[in-house]
Amino acid sequence: MAEQAPTYEMIEVKAEDIMAERQGLYAGFLRATVWGIGATVAILVLMWIFLV
C-alpha cells in the first residue's frame, strides 16, 4: 500500500488576525491570577482566625 505524503497549505498570518485571541487569553490569565491570589489570602485569613 502506497504512503501518501502529507500536504500543508501555507497561508499568511497577520498580527491583527491573532491579536484578539491573545488578548482574550491574557485577560483570562489575569482573571485567574487575581482569583488565585484572592483565594490564597482568604484561606490564610481563615487559618489565622481559626487556628491561632
C-alpha atoms as a PDB file:
ATOM      1  CA  MET A   1       0.000   0.000   0.000  1.00  0.00           C
ATOM      2  CA  ALA A   2       1.438   3.345  -1.033  1.00  0.00           C
ATOM      3  CA  GLU A   3       2.083   6.001   1.588  1.00  0.00           C
ATOM      4  CA  GLN A   4       0.829   9.482   0.823  1.00  0.00           C
ATOM      5  CA  ALA A   5       2.924  12.404   1.942  1.00  0.00           C
ATOM      6  CA  PRO A   6       1.012  14.965   4.000  1.00  0.00           C
ATOM      7  CA  THR A   7       0.379  18.258   2.287  1.00  0.00           C
ATOM      8  CA  TYR A   8       0.372  21.557   4.114  1.00  0.00           C
ATOM      9  CA  GLU A   9      -1.279  24.713   2.912  1.00  0.00           C
ATOM     10  CA  MET A  10       0.697  27.754   3.998  1.00  0.00           C
ATOM     11  CA  ILE A  11      -1.305  30.934   4.452  1.00  0.00           C
ATOM     12  CA  GLU A  12      -0.122  34.336   5.580  1.00  0.00           C
ATOM     13  CA  VAL A  13      -0.963  35.132   9.200  1.00  0.00           C
ATOM     14  CA  LYS A  14      -1.125  38.763  10.208  1.00  0.00           C
ATOM     15  CA  ALA A  15      -0.872  40.167  13.726  1.00  0.00           C
ATOM     16  CA  GLU A  16      -4.424  41.531  13.536  1.00  0.00           C
ATOM     17  CA  ASP A  17      -5.726  38.012  12.942  1.00  0.00           C
ATOM     18  CA  ILE A  18      -4.393  36.626  16.209  1.00  0.00           C
ATOM     19  CA  MET A  19      -4.365  39.732  18.420  1.00  0.00           C
ATOM     20  CA  ALA A  20      -7.950  39.293  19.698  1.00  0.00           C
ATOM     21  CA  GLU A  21      -7.253  35.677  20.655  1.00  0.00           C
ATOM     22  CA  ARG A  22      -4.077  36.615  22.520  1.00  0.00           C
ATOM     23  CA  GLN A  23      -5.793  39.484  24.315  1.00  0.00           C
ATOM     24  CA  GLY A  24      -8.554  37.114  25.416  1.00  0.00           C
ATOM     25  CA  LEU A  25      -6.036  34.591  26.712  1.00  0.00           C
ATOM     26  CA  TYR A  26      -4.142  37.303  28.599  1.00  0.00           C
ATOM     27  CA  ALA A  27      -7.363  38.647  30.126  1.00  0.00           C
ATOM     28  CA  GLY A  28      -8.245  35.117  31.263  1.00  0.00           C
ATOM     29  CA  PHE A  29      -4.758  34.665  32.723  1.00  0.00           C
ATOM     30  CA  LEU A  30      -5.058  37.922  34.677  1.00  0.00           C
ATOM     31  CA  ARG A  31      -8.521  36.991  35.925  1.00  0.00           C
ATOM     32  CA  ALA A  32      -7.287  33.579  37.105  1.00  0.00           C
ATOM     33  CA  THR A  33      -4.294  35.205  38.799  1.00  0.00           C
ATOM     34  CA  VAL A  34      -6.476  37.676  40.688  1.00  0.00           C
ATOM     35  CA  TRP A  35      -8.866  34.908  41.789  1.00  0.00           C
ATOM     36  CA  GLY A  36      -5.932  32.726  42.857  1.00  0.00           C
ATOM     37  CA  ILE A  37      -4.368  35.478  44.933  1.00  0.00           C
ATOM     38  CA  GLY A  38      -7.760  36.324  46.469  1.00  0.00           C
ATOM     39  CA  ALA A  39      -8.403  32.675  47.368  1.00  0.00           C
ATOM     40  CA  THR A  40      -4.948  32.373  48.927  1.00  0.00           C
ATOM     41  CA  VAL A  41      -5.473  35.494  51.030  1.00  0.00           C
ATOM     42  CA  ALA A  42      -8.916  34.270  52.115  1.00  0.00           C
ATOM     43  CA  ILE A  43      -7.528  30.876  53.154  1.00  0.00           C
ATOM     44  CA  LEU A  44      -4.684  32.491  55.090  1.00  0.00           C
ATOM     45  CA  VAL A  45      -7.088  34.845  56.890  1.00  0.00           C
ATOM     46  CA  LEU A  46      -9.390  31.955  57.802  1.00  0.00           C
ATOM     47  CA  MET A  47      -6.398  29.964  59.070  1.00  0.00           C
ATOM     48  CA  TRP A  48      -5.280  32.971  61.136  1.00  0.00           C
ATOM     49  CA  ILE A  49      -8.773  33.335  62.643  1.00  0.00           C
ATOM     50  CA  PHE A  50      -9.470  29.680  63.439  1.00  0.00           C
ATOM     51  CA  LEU A  51      -6.049  28.188  64.090  1.00  0.00           C
ATOM     52  CA  VAL A  52      -4.373  30.863  66.192  1.00  0.00           C
END
